Structures are given as C-alpha cells and as structure tokens.
Full PDB file with SEQRES, HELIX, SHEET, SSBOND, CRYST1, ORIGX, SCALE, CONECT and MASTER records, all heavy atoms in Angstrom:
SEQRES   1 A   39  ARG ARG GLU PRO GLY GLY GLU GLY ARG GLY THR VAL GLY          
SEQRES   2 A   39  ALA GLY LEU LEU LEU ALA LEU ALA ALA CYS ALA ALA GLU          
SEQRES   3 A   39  PRO ARG ARG ILE GLU ASP CYS GLY LYS LEU ARG GLY THR          
HELIX    1 AA1 THR A   11  ALA A   22  1                                  12    
HELIX    2 AA2 ILE A   30  LYS A   35  5                                   6    
CRYST1    1.000    1.000    1.000  90.00  90.00  90.00 P 1           1          
ORIGX1      1.000000  0.000000  0.000000        0.00000                         
ORIGX2      0.000000  1.000000  0.000000        0.00000                         
ORIGX3      0.000000  0.000000  1.000000        0.00000                         
SCALE1      1.000000  0.000000  0.000000        0.00000                         
SCALE2      0.000000  1.000000  0.000000        0.00000                         
SCALE3      0.000000  0.000000  1.000000        0.00000                         
ATOM      1  N   ARG A   1     131.722 105.583-197.876  1.00  0.00           N  
ATOM      2  CA  ARG A   1     133.004 106.302-197.680  1.00  0.00           C  
ATOM      3  C   ARG A   1     133.056 107.114-196.417  1.00  0.00           C  
ATOM      4  O   ARG A   1     132.111 107.858-196.129  1.00  0.00           O  
ATOM      5  CB  ARG A   1     133.259 107.162-198.934  1.00  0.00           C  
ATOM      6  CG  ARG A   1     134.585 107.728-198.996  1.00  0.00           C  
ATOM      7  CD  ARG A   1     134.841 108.351-200.419  1.00  0.00           C  
ATOM      8  NE  ARG A   1     136.116 109.061-200.283  1.00  0.00           N  
ATOM      9  CZ  ARG A   1     136.277 110.411-200.499  1.00  0.00           C  
ATOM     10  NH1 ARG A   1     135.201 111.034-200.907  1.00  0.00           N  
ATOM     11  NH2 ARG A   1     137.368 110.915-200.378  1.00  0.00           N  
ATOM     12  N   ARG A   2     134.191 106.985-195.680  1.00  0.00           N  
ATOM     13  CA  ARG A   2     134.286 107.711-194.422  1.00  0.00           C  
ATOM     14  C   ARG A   2     135.307 108.871-194.569  1.00  0.00           C  
ATOM     15  O   ARG A   2     136.224 108.797-195.394  1.00  0.00           O  
ATOM     16  CB  ARG A   2     134.854 106.880-193.323  1.00  0.00           C  
ATOM     17  CG  ARG A   2     133.930 105.857-192.840  1.00  0.00           C  
ATOM     18  CD  ARG A   2     134.533 105.134-191.678  1.00  0.00           C  
ATOM     19  NE  ARG A   2     133.539 104.380-190.956  1.00  0.00           N  
ATOM     20  CZ  ARG A   2     133.727 103.674-189.999  1.00  0.00           C  
ATOM     21  NH1 ARG A   2     134.942 103.540-189.476  1.00  0.00           N  
ATOM     22  NH2 ARG A   2     132.799 102.944-189.424  1.00  0.00           N  
ATOM     23  N   GLU A   3     134.952 109.961-194.011  1.00  0.00           N  
ATOM     24  CA  GLU A   3     135.836 111.146-193.984  1.00  0.00           C  
ATOM     25  C   GLU A   3     136.993 110.843-193.060  1.00  0.00           C  
ATOM     26  O   GLU A   3     136.801 110.224-191.992  1.00  0.00           O  
ATOM     27  CB  GLU A   3     135.058 112.390-193.552  1.00  0.00           C  
ATOM     28  CG  GLU A   3     134.017 112.792-194.489  1.00  0.00           C  
ATOM     29  CD  GLU A   3     133.406 114.085-193.996  1.00  0.00           C  
ATOM     30  OE1 GLU A   3     133.986 114.841-193.298  1.00  0.00           O  
ATOM     31  OE2 GLU A   3     132.119 114.244-194.344  1.00  0.00           O  
ATOM     32  N   PRO A   4     138.206 111.360-193.353  1.00  0.00           N  
ATOM     33  CA  PRO A   4     139.273 111.169-192.464  1.00  0.00           C  
ATOM     34  C   PRO A   4     138.977 111.865-191.132  1.00  0.00           C  
ATOM     35  O   PRO A   4     138.463 112.893-191.019  1.00  0.00           O  
ATOM     36  CB  PRO A   4     140.458 111.988-193.206  1.00  0.00           C  
ATOM     37  CG  PRO A   4     140.060 112.184-194.564  1.00  0.00           C  
ATOM     38  CD  PRO A   4     138.549 112.108-194.603  1.00  0.00           C  
ATOM     39  N   GLY A   5     139.298 111.142-190.064  1.00  0.00           N  
ATOM     40  CA  GLY A   5     139.150 111.669-188.693  1.00  0.00           C  
ATOM     41  C   GLY A   5     137.640 111.515-188.285  1.00  0.00           C  
ATOM     42  O   GLY A   5     137.308 112.006-187.197  1.00  0.00           O  
ATOM     43  N   GLY A   6     136.867 110.919-189.058  1.00  0.00           N  
ATOM     44  CA  GLY A   6     135.436 110.817-188.713  1.00  0.00           C  
ATOM     45  C   GLY A   6     135.099 109.645-187.759  1.00  0.00           C  
ATOM     46  O   GLY A   6     133.999 109.632-187.223  1.00  0.00           O  
ATOM     47  N   GLU A   7     136.032 108.784-187.602  1.00  0.00           N  
ATOM     48  CA  GLU A   7     135.789 107.664-186.708  1.00  0.00           C  
ATOM     49  C   GLU A   7     135.591 108.096-185.308  1.00  0.00           C  
ATOM     50  O   GLU A   7     136.394 108.940-184.750  1.00  0.00           O  
ATOM     51  CB  GLU A   7     136.951 106.585-186.778  1.00  0.00           C  
ATOM     52  CG  GLU A   7     137.142 106.007-188.152  1.00  0.00           C  
ATOM     53  CD  GLU A   7     138.214 106.858-188.944  1.00  0.00           C  
ATOM     54  OE1 GLU A   7     139.059 107.456-188.339  1.00  0.00           O  
ATOM     55  OE2 GLU A   7     138.026 106.898-190.172  1.00  0.00           O  
ATOM     56  N   GLY A   8     134.697 107.519-184.626  1.00  0.00           N  
ATOM     57  CA  GLY A   8     134.456 107.702-183.201  1.00  0.00           C  
ATOM     58  C   GLY A   8     134.121 109.174-182.871  1.00  0.00           C  
ATOM     59  O   GLY A   8     134.305 109.587-181.716  1.00  0.00           O  
ATOM     60  N   ARG A   9     133.566 109.857-183.751  1.00  0.00           N  
ATOM     61  CA  ARG A   9     133.145 111.224-183.456  1.00  0.00           C  
ATOM     62  C   ARG A   9     132.159 111.204-182.324  1.00  0.00           C  
ATOM     63  O   ARG A   9     131.228 110.417-182.307  1.00  0.00           O  
ATOM     64  CB  ARG A   9     132.462 111.847-184.653  1.00  0.00           C  
ATOM     65  CG  ARG A   9     133.128 113.168-185.078  1.00  0.00           C  
ATOM     66  CD  ARG A   9     132.417 113.667-186.346  1.00  0.00           C  
ATOM     67  NE  ARG A   9     133.493 113.863-187.218  1.00  0.00           N  
ATOM     68  CZ  ARG A   9     133.380 114.489-188.360  1.00  0.00           C  
ATOM     69  NH1 ARG A   9     132.197 115.012-188.700  1.00  0.00           N  
ATOM     70  NH2 ARG A   9     134.418 114.733-189.146  1.00  0.00           N  
ATOM     71  N   GLY A  10     132.363 112.120-181.377  1.00  0.00           N  
ATOM     72  CA  GLY A  10     131.428 112.221-180.266  1.00  0.00           C  
ATOM     73  C   GLY A  10     132.001 111.533-179.014  1.00  0.00           C  
ATOM     74  O   GLY A  10     131.673 111.874-177.931  1.00  0.00           O  
ATOM     75  N   THR A  11     132.770 110.496-179.231  1.00  0.00           N  
ATOM     76  CA  THR A  11     133.354 109.719-178.034  1.00  0.00           C  
ATOM     77  C   THR A  11     134.412 110.607-177.368  1.00  0.00           C  
ATOM     78  O   THR A  11     134.485 110.430-176.212  1.00  0.00           O  
ATOM     79  CB  THR A  11     133.883 108.460-178.485  1.00  0.00           C  
ATOM     80  OG1 THR A  11     134.953 108.626-179.469  1.00  0.00           O  
ATOM     81  CG2 THR A  11     132.847 107.499-179.057  1.00  0.00           C  
ATOM     82  N   VAL A  12     135.184 111.368-178.087  1.00  0.00           N  
ATOM     83  CA  VAL A  12     136.193 112.166-177.432  1.00  0.00           C  
ATOM     84  C   VAL A  12     135.473 113.232-176.539  1.00  0.00           C  
ATOM     85  O   VAL A  12     135.902 113.462-175.401  1.00  0.00           O  
ATOM     86  CB  VAL A  12     137.115 112.885-178.482  1.00  0.00           C  
ATOM     87  CG1 VAL A  12     138.062 113.808-177.780  1.00  0.00           C  
ATOM     88  CG2 VAL A  12     137.917 111.817-179.206  1.00  0.00           C  
ATOM     89  N   GLY A  13     134.466 113.816-177.064  1.00  0.00           N  
ATOM     90  CA  GLY A  13     133.810 114.874-176.306  1.00  0.00           C  
ATOM     91  C   GLY A  13     133.061 114.337-175.093  1.00  0.00           C  
ATOM     92  O   GLY A  13     133.186 114.813-173.997  1.00  0.00           O  
ATOM     93  N   ALA A  14     132.508 113.083-175.275  1.00  0.00           N  
ATOM     94  CA  ALA A  14     131.809 112.464-174.093  1.00  0.00           C  
ATOM     95  C   ALA A  14     132.834 112.043-173.037  1.00  0.00           C  
ATOM     96  O   ALA A  14     132.621 112.166-171.879  1.00  0.00           O  
ATOM     97  CB  ALA A  14     131.072 111.275-174.613  1.00  0.00           C  
ATOM     98  N   GLY A  15     134.062 111.582-173.592  1.00  0.00           N  
ATOM     99  CA  GLY A  15     135.135 111.134-172.646  1.00  0.00           C  
ATOM    100  C   GLY A  15     135.622 112.360-171.850  1.00  0.00           C  
ATOM    101  O   GLY A  15     135.839 112.258-170.637  1.00  0.00           O  
ATOM    102  N   LEU A  16     135.799 113.413-172.589  1.00  0.00           N  
ATOM    103  CA  LEU A  16     136.242 114.641-171.938  1.00  0.00           C  
ATOM    104  C   LEU A  16     135.250 115.108-170.840  1.00  0.00           C  
ATOM    105  O   LEU A  16     135.653 115.496-169.759  1.00  0.00           O  
ATOM    106  CB  LEU A  16     136.547 115.724-172.921  1.00  0.00           C  
ATOM    107  CG  LEU A  16     136.920 117.076-172.381  1.00  0.00           C  
ATOM    108  CD1 LEU A  16     138.342 116.927-171.741  1.00  0.00           C  
ATOM    109  CD2 LEU A  16     137.122 118.073-173.545  1.00  0.00           C  
ATOM    110  N   LEU A  17     133.997 115.148-171.182  1.00  0.00           N  
ATOM    111  CA  LEU A  17     132.964 115.517-170.168  1.00  0.00           C  
ATOM    112  C   LEU A  17     132.946 114.605-168.995  1.00  0.00           C  
ATOM    113  O   LEU A  17     132.837 115.015-167.785  1.00  0.00           O  
ATOM    114  CB  LEU A  17     131.556 115.585-170.830  1.00  0.00           C  
ATOM    115  CG  LEU A  17     131.313 116.710-171.852  1.00  0.00           C  
ATOM    116  CD1 LEU A  17     129.925 116.478-172.466  1.00  0.00           C  
ATOM    117  CD2 LEU A  17     131.383 118.023-171.130  1.00  0.00           C  
ATOM    118  N   LEU A  18     133.128 113.355-169.206  1.00  0.00           N  
ATOM    119  CA  LEU A  18     133.156 112.388-168.121  1.00  0.00           C  
ATOM    120  C   LEU A  18     134.394 112.594-167.317  1.00  0.00           C  
ATOM    121  O   LEU A  18     134.275 112.639-165.990  1.00  0.00           O  
ATOM    122  CB  LEU A  18     133.197 110.938-168.689  1.00  0.00           C  
ATOM    123  CG  LEU A  18     133.196 109.791-167.704  1.00  0.00           C  
ATOM    124  CD1 LEU A  18     131.923 109.840-166.830  1.00  0.00           C  
ATOM    125  CD2 LEU A  18     133.254 108.447-168.343  1.00  0.00           C  
ATOM    126  N   ALA A  19     135.534 112.821-167.906  1.00  0.00           N  
ATOM    127  CA  ALA A  19     136.774 113.171-167.077  1.00  0.00           C  
ATOM    128  C   ALA A  19     136.574 114.406-166.257  1.00  0.00           C  
ATOM    129  O   ALA A  19     137.029 114.510-165.107  1.00  0.00           O  
ATOM    130  CB  ALA A  19     137.990 113.222-168.073  1.00  0.00           C  
ATOM    131  N   LEU A  20     136.096 115.445-166.882  1.00  0.00           N  
ATOM    132  CA  LEU A  20     135.795 116.666-166.128  1.00  0.00           C  
ATOM    133  C   LEU A  20     134.888 116.523-165.002  1.00  0.00           C  
ATOM    134  O   LEU A  20     135.000 117.144-163.932  1.00  0.00           O  
ATOM    135  CB  LEU A  20     135.347 117.834-167.041  1.00  0.00           C  
ATOM    136  CG  LEU A  20     136.350 118.295-168.049  1.00  0.00           C  
ATOM    137  CD1 LEU A  20     135.648 119.281-169.077  1.00  0.00           C  
ATOM    138  CD2 LEU A  20     137.457 118.932-167.419  1.00  0.00           C  
ATOM    139  N   ALA A  21     133.868 115.725-165.179  1.00  0.00           N  
ATOM    140  CA  ALA A  21     132.906 115.455-164.069  1.00  0.00           C  
ATOM    141  C   ALA A  21     133.477 114.745-162.951  1.00  0.00           C  
ATOM    142  O   ALA A  21     133.185 114.929-161.777  1.00  0.00           O  
ATOM    143  CB  ALA A  21     131.634 114.788-164.682  1.00  0.00           C  
ATOM    144  N   ALA A  22     134.410 113.839-163.267  1.00  0.00           N  
ATOM    145  CA  ALA A  22     135.067 113.053-162.225  1.00  0.00           C  
ATOM    146  C   ALA A  22     136.105 113.868-161.429  1.00  0.00           C  
ATOM    147  O   ALA A  22     136.405 113.561-160.229  1.00  0.00           O  
ATOM    148  CB  ALA A  22     135.742 111.843-162.893  1.00  0.00           C  
ATOM    149  N   CYS A  23     136.627 114.900-162.036  1.00  0.00           N  
ATOM    150  CA  CYS A  23     137.671 115.705-161.370  1.00  0.00           C  
ATOM    151  C   CYS A  23     136.975 116.783-160.616  1.00  0.00           C  
ATOM    152  O   CYS A  23     136.186 117.577-161.114  1.00  0.00           O  
ATOM    153  CB  CYS A  23     138.648 116.369-162.352  1.00  0.00           C  
ATOM    154  SG  CYS A  23     139.567 115.268-163.216  1.00  0.00           S  
ATOM    155  N   ALA A  24     137.171 116.876-159.240  1.00  0.00           N  
ATOM    156  CA  ALA A  24     136.612 117.986-158.472  1.00  0.00           C  
ATOM    157  C   ALA A  24     137.365 119.149-158.748  1.00  0.00           C  
ATOM    158  O   ALA A  24     138.546 119.229-159.062  1.00  0.00           O  
ATOM    159  CB  ALA A  24     136.634 117.588-156.969  1.00  0.00           C  
ATOM    160  N   ALA A  25     136.647 120.286-158.717  1.00  0.00           N  
ATOM    161  CA  ALA A  25     137.287 121.619-158.858  1.00  0.00           C  
ATOM    162  C   ALA A  25     138.172 121.853-157.677  1.00  0.00           C  
ATOM    163  O   ALA A  25     137.950 121.443-156.593  1.00  0.00           O  
ATOM    164  CB  ALA A  25     136.235 122.696-159.010  1.00  0.00           C  
ATOM    165  N   GLU A  26     139.297 122.520-157.959  1.00  0.00           N  
ATOM    166  CA  GLU A  26     140.164 122.853-156.893  1.00  0.00           C  
ATOM    167  C   GLU A  26     139.543 123.900-155.981  1.00  0.00           C  
ATOM    168  O   GLU A  26     138.945 124.849-156.392  1.00  0.00           O  
ATOM    169  CB  GLU A  26     141.458 123.575-157.496  1.00  0.00           C  
ATOM    170  CG  GLU A  26     142.620 123.729-156.590  1.00  0.00           C  
ATOM    171  CD  GLU A  26     143.269 122.403-156.156  1.00  0.00           C  
ATOM    172  OE1 GLU A  26     143.190 121.465-156.960  1.00  0.00           O  
ATOM    173  OE2 GLU A  26     143.822 122.344-155.113  1.00  0.00           O  
ATOM    174  N   PRO A  27     139.573 123.574-154.665  1.00  0.00           N  
ATOM    175  CA  PRO A  27     138.968 124.471-153.673  1.00  0.00           C  
ATOM    176  C   PRO A  27     139.445 125.926-153.779  1.00  0.00           C  
ATOM    177  O   PRO A  27     140.670 126.115-153.957  1.00  0.00           O  
ATOM    178  CB  PRO A  27     139.268 123.874-152.339  1.00  0.00           C  
ATOM    179  CG  PRO A  27     139.473 122.399-152.570  1.00  0.00           C  
ATOM    180  CD  PRO A  27     140.186 122.394-153.977  1.00  0.00           C  
ATOM    181  N   ARG A  28     138.585 126.870-153.594  1.00  0.00           N  
ATOM    182  CA  ARG A  28     138.925 128.265-153.630  1.00  0.00           C  
ATOM    183  C   ARG A  28     139.103 128.846-152.206  1.00  0.00           C  
ATOM    184  O   ARG A  28     139.578 129.883-152.024  1.00  0.00           O  
ATOM    185  CB  ARG A  28     137.967 129.075-154.401  1.00  0.00           C  
ATOM    186  CG  ARG A  28     137.878 128.655-155.870  1.00  0.00           C  
ATOM    187  CD  ARG A  28     136.810 129.406-156.588  1.00  0.00           C  
ATOM    188  NE  ARG A  28     136.656 128.978-157.899  1.00  0.00           N  
ATOM    189  CZ  ARG A  28     137.046 129.701-158.950  1.00  0.00           C  
ATOM    190  NH1 ARG A  28     137.523 130.858-158.807  1.00  0.00           N  
ATOM    191  NH2 ARG A  28     136.876 129.185-160.270  1.00  0.00           N  
ATOM    192  N   ARG A  29     138.643 128.083-151.181  1.00  0.00           N  
ATOM    193  CA  ARG A  29     138.772 128.508-149.838  1.00  0.00           C  
ATOM    194  C   ARG A  29     139.290 127.319-149.028  1.00  0.00           C  
ATOM    195  O   ARG A  29     139.012 126.218-149.311  1.00  0.00           O  
ATOM    196  CB  ARG A  29     137.385 128.944-149.231  1.00  0.00           C  
ATOM    197  CG  ARG A  29     136.720 130.085-149.982  1.00  0.00           C  
ATOM    198  CD  ARG A  29     135.348 130.320-149.453  1.00  0.00           C  
ATOM    199  NE  ARG A  29     134.617 129.122-149.070  1.00  0.00           N  
ATOM    200  CZ  ARG A  29     133.873 129.077-147.921  1.00  0.00           C  
ATOM    201  NH1 ARG A  29     133.651 130.088-147.290  1.00  0.00           N  
ATOM    202  NH2 ARG A  29     133.162 127.983-147.713  1.00  0.00           N  
ATOM    203  N   ILE A  30     140.060 127.620-147.980  1.00  0.00           N  
ATOM    204  CA  ILE A  30     140.679 126.664-147.156  1.00  0.00           C  
ATOM    205  C   ILE A  30     139.561 125.721-146.453  1.00  0.00           C  
ATOM    206  O   ILE A  30     139.741 124.614-146.255  1.00  0.00           O  
ATOM    207  CB  ILE A  30     141.658 127.256-146.123  1.00  0.00           C  
ATOM    208  CG1 ILE A  30     142.506 126.118-145.524  1.00  0.00           C  
ATOM    209  CG2 ILE A  30     140.876 128.043-144.987  1.00  0.00           C  
ATOM    210  CD1 ILE A  30     143.690 126.701-144.693  1.00  0.00           C  
ATOM    211  N   GLU A  31     138.406 126.363-146.193  1.00  0.00           N  
ATOM    212  CA  GLU A  31     137.309 125.676-145.558  1.00  0.00           C  
ATOM    213  C   GLU A  31     136.816 124.533-146.534  1.00  0.00           C  
ATOM    214  O   GLU A  31     136.293 123.551-146.045  1.00  0.00           O  
ATOM    215  CB  GLU A  31     136.217 126.572-145.228  1.00  0.00           C  
ATOM    216  CG  GLU A  31     136.534 127.629-144.142  1.00  0.00           C  
ATOM    217  CD  GLU A  31     137.121 128.927-144.762  1.00  0.00           C  
ATOM    218  OE1 GLU A  31     137.478 128.915-145.959  1.00  0.00           O  
ATOM    219  OE2 GLU A  31     137.283 129.811-143.975  1.00  0.00           O  
ATOM    220  N   ASP A  32     137.046 124.725-147.821  1.00  0.00           N  
ATOM    221  CA  ASP A  32     136.528 123.596-148.746  1.00  0.00           C  
ATOM    222  C   ASP A  32     137.464 122.467-148.943  1.00  0.00           C  
ATOM    223  O   ASP A  32     137.111 121.489-149.602  1.00  0.00           O  
ATOM    224  CB  ASP A  32     136.239 124.327-150.126  1.00  0.00           C  
ATOM    225  CG  ASP A  32     135.170 125.361-149.997  1.00  0.00           C  
ATOM    226  OD1 ASP A  32     134.314 125.276-149.186  1.00  0.00           O  
ATOM    227  OD2 ASP A  32     135.187 126.347-150.800  1.00  0.00           O  
ATOM    228  N   CYS A  33     138.635 122.562-148.411  1.00  0.00           N  
ATOM    229  CA  CYS A  33     139.629 121.442-148.519  1.00  0.00           C  
ATOM    230  C   CYS A  33     139.146 120.226-147.952  1.00  0.00           C  
ATOM    231  O   CYS A  33     139.382 119.040-148.436  1.00  0.00           O  
ATOM    232  CB  CYS A  33     141.043 121.836-147.903  1.00  0.00           C  
ATOM    233  SG  CYS A  33     141.836 123.148-148.810  1.00  0.00           S  
ATOM    234  N   GLY A  34     138.360 120.254-146.848  1.00  0.00           N  
ATOM    235  CA  GLY A  34     137.831 119.071-146.191  1.00  0.00           C  
ATOM    236  C   GLY A  34     136.947 118.281-146.999  1.00  0.00           C  
ATOM    237  O   GLY A  34     136.605 117.102-146.695  1.00  0.00           O  
ATOM    238  N   LYS A  35     136.417 118.788-148.125  1.00  0.00           N  
ATOM    239  CA  LYS A  35     135.525 118.063-149.029  1.00  0.00           C  
ATOM    240  C   LYS A  35     136.193 117.146-149.983  1.00  0.00           C  
ATOM    241  O   LYS A  35     135.595 116.430-150.697  1.00  0.00           O  
ATOM    242  CB  LYS A  35     134.653 119.045-149.779  1.00  0.00           C  
ATOM    243  CG  LYS A  35     133.749 119.926-148.970  1.00  0.00           C  
ATOM    244  CD  LYS A  35     133.008 120.955-149.724  1.00  0.00           C  
ATOM    245  CE  LYS A  35     132.213 121.808-148.865  1.00  0.00           C  
ATOM    246  NZ  LYS A  35     131.592 122.918-149.576  1.00  0.00           N  
ATOM    247  N   LEU A  36     137.572 117.307-150.042  1.00  0.00           N  
ATOM    248  CA  LEU A  36     138.307 116.492-150.947  1.00  0.00           C  
ATOM    249  C   LEU A  36     138.386 115.027-150.467  1.00  0.00           C  
ATOM    250  O   LEU A  36     138.231 114.797-149.294  1.00  0.00           O  
ATOM    251  CB  LEU A  36     139.725 116.996-151.120  1.00  0.00           C  
ATOM    252  CG  LEU A  36     139.890 118.359-151.740  1.00  0.00           C  
ATOM    253  CD1 LEU A  36     141.317 118.806-151.725  1.00  0.00           C  
ATOM    254  CD2 LEU A  36     139.369 118.345-153.178  1.00  0.00           C  
ATOM    255  N   ARG A  37     138.606 114.090-151.367  1.00  0.00           N  
ATOM    256  CA  ARG A  37     138.696 112.727-150.981  1.00  0.00           C  
ATOM    257  C   ARG A  37     140.138 112.413-150.606  1.00  0.00           C  
ATOM    258  O   ARG A  37     141.079 112.764-151.346  1.00  0.00           O  
ATOM    259  CB  ARG A  37     138.268 111.785-152.114  1.00  0.00           C  
ATOM    260  CG  ARG A  37     136.892 111.517-152.103  1.00  0.00           C  
ATOM    261  CD  ARG A  37     136.566 110.164-152.583  1.00  0.00           C  
ATOM    262  NE  ARG A  37     136.643 110.005-154.046  1.00  0.00           N  
ATOM    263  CZ  ARG A  37     136.354 108.859-154.648  1.00  0.00           C  
ATOM    264  NH1 ARG A  37     136.079 107.883-153.969  1.00  0.00           N  
ATOM    265  NH2 ARG A  37     136.422 108.841-155.957  1.00  0.00           N  
ATOM    266  N   GLY A  38     140.381 111.729-149.500  1.00  0.00           N  
ATOM    267  CA  GLY A  38     141.683 111.274-149.108  1.00  0.00           C  
ATOM    268  C   GLY A  38     142.366 112.283-148.172  1.00  0.00           C  
ATOM    269  O   GLY A  38     142.316 113.514-148.397  1.00  0.00           O  
ATOM    270  N   THR A  39     142.940 111.709-147.143  1.00  0.00           N  
ATOM    271  CA  THR A  39     143.578 112.585-146.130  1.00  0.00           C  
ATOM    272  C   THR A  39     144.710 113.362-146.690  1.00  0.00           C  
ATOM    273  O   THR A  39     144.848 114.596-146.403  1.00  0.00           O  
ATOM    274  CB  THR A  39     144.129 111.693-144.984  1.00  0.00           C  
ATOM    275  OG1 THR A  39     142.980 110.961-144.452  1.00  0.00           O  
ATOM    276  CG2 THR A  39     144.702 112.532-143.787  1.00  0.00           C  
TER     277      THR A  39                                                      
MASTER        0    0    0    2    0    0    0    6  276    1    0    3          
END                                                                             
C-alpha cells in the first residue's frame, strides 16, 4: 500500500536543487555582470 503523495518522493527535491544550481545568482556588483552568459 502506498501513502497518498508518496510517489516520486525525493525527485522534487533533487529537481529543485538541480534548477537552483543551474541558475546563477544575481550579481551584487556591477563588476560581476560580465560573468553572466549572453551579451
């Protein structure tokens, strides 16, 4: 028997971590803008 909402447990957390790792943090200084991808 499965508990409701038990399917795929752990995949949401892993997906979120992967998405966060893929997103660069917003630069806090103008000098750091050059590190972004894309003109």
